[in-house]
Amino acid sequence: QVQLVESGGGLVQAGGSLRLSCAASGRTFSNYAMAWFRQAPGKERDFVAAITWSGSSTYYADSVKARFTISRDNAKNTVYLRMNSLKPEDTAVYYCAADGKGGTTYAIRSYYHSYDYWGQGTQVTVSS
């Protein structure tokens, strides 16, 4: 089992920045690919960004490319999502996810069902 706890969400004005963190515990963090998804009210949970176990490859949804950066620190068992130039449409609950099965294609890393473990989410609200 892997336990994931997100933090760093909050209220920010459009154009502002936030950094989300996801702390993992349980099994060896460096064995897992990690990702961030988000879910706005009344909408499906959408892929945001992912990173392979080593951090050598990253993947982004088109809507956040060039604004968001995913990174990880395996020594701290933590994955981060740096969000810049935030827009009101970025408002959502952001979820951290972990996958121990591998796979390095965008299709696999962006697929909701690729991930076995999920955090409880952290709310991000961007005001206009």
Foldseek 3Di string as FASTA:
>chain_A
DKAKAKDWADEEAAQAKTKMKIAIDDDQLLLKKKFKWWDDPPGDIFGAKIAHSVRPDMDGDPVQPPFWDWGDDSVRRMIMIIGGRDDQVVWTWMKMFIANPDDDDNVLRGDPVRTDDIYPTDTHGYHD
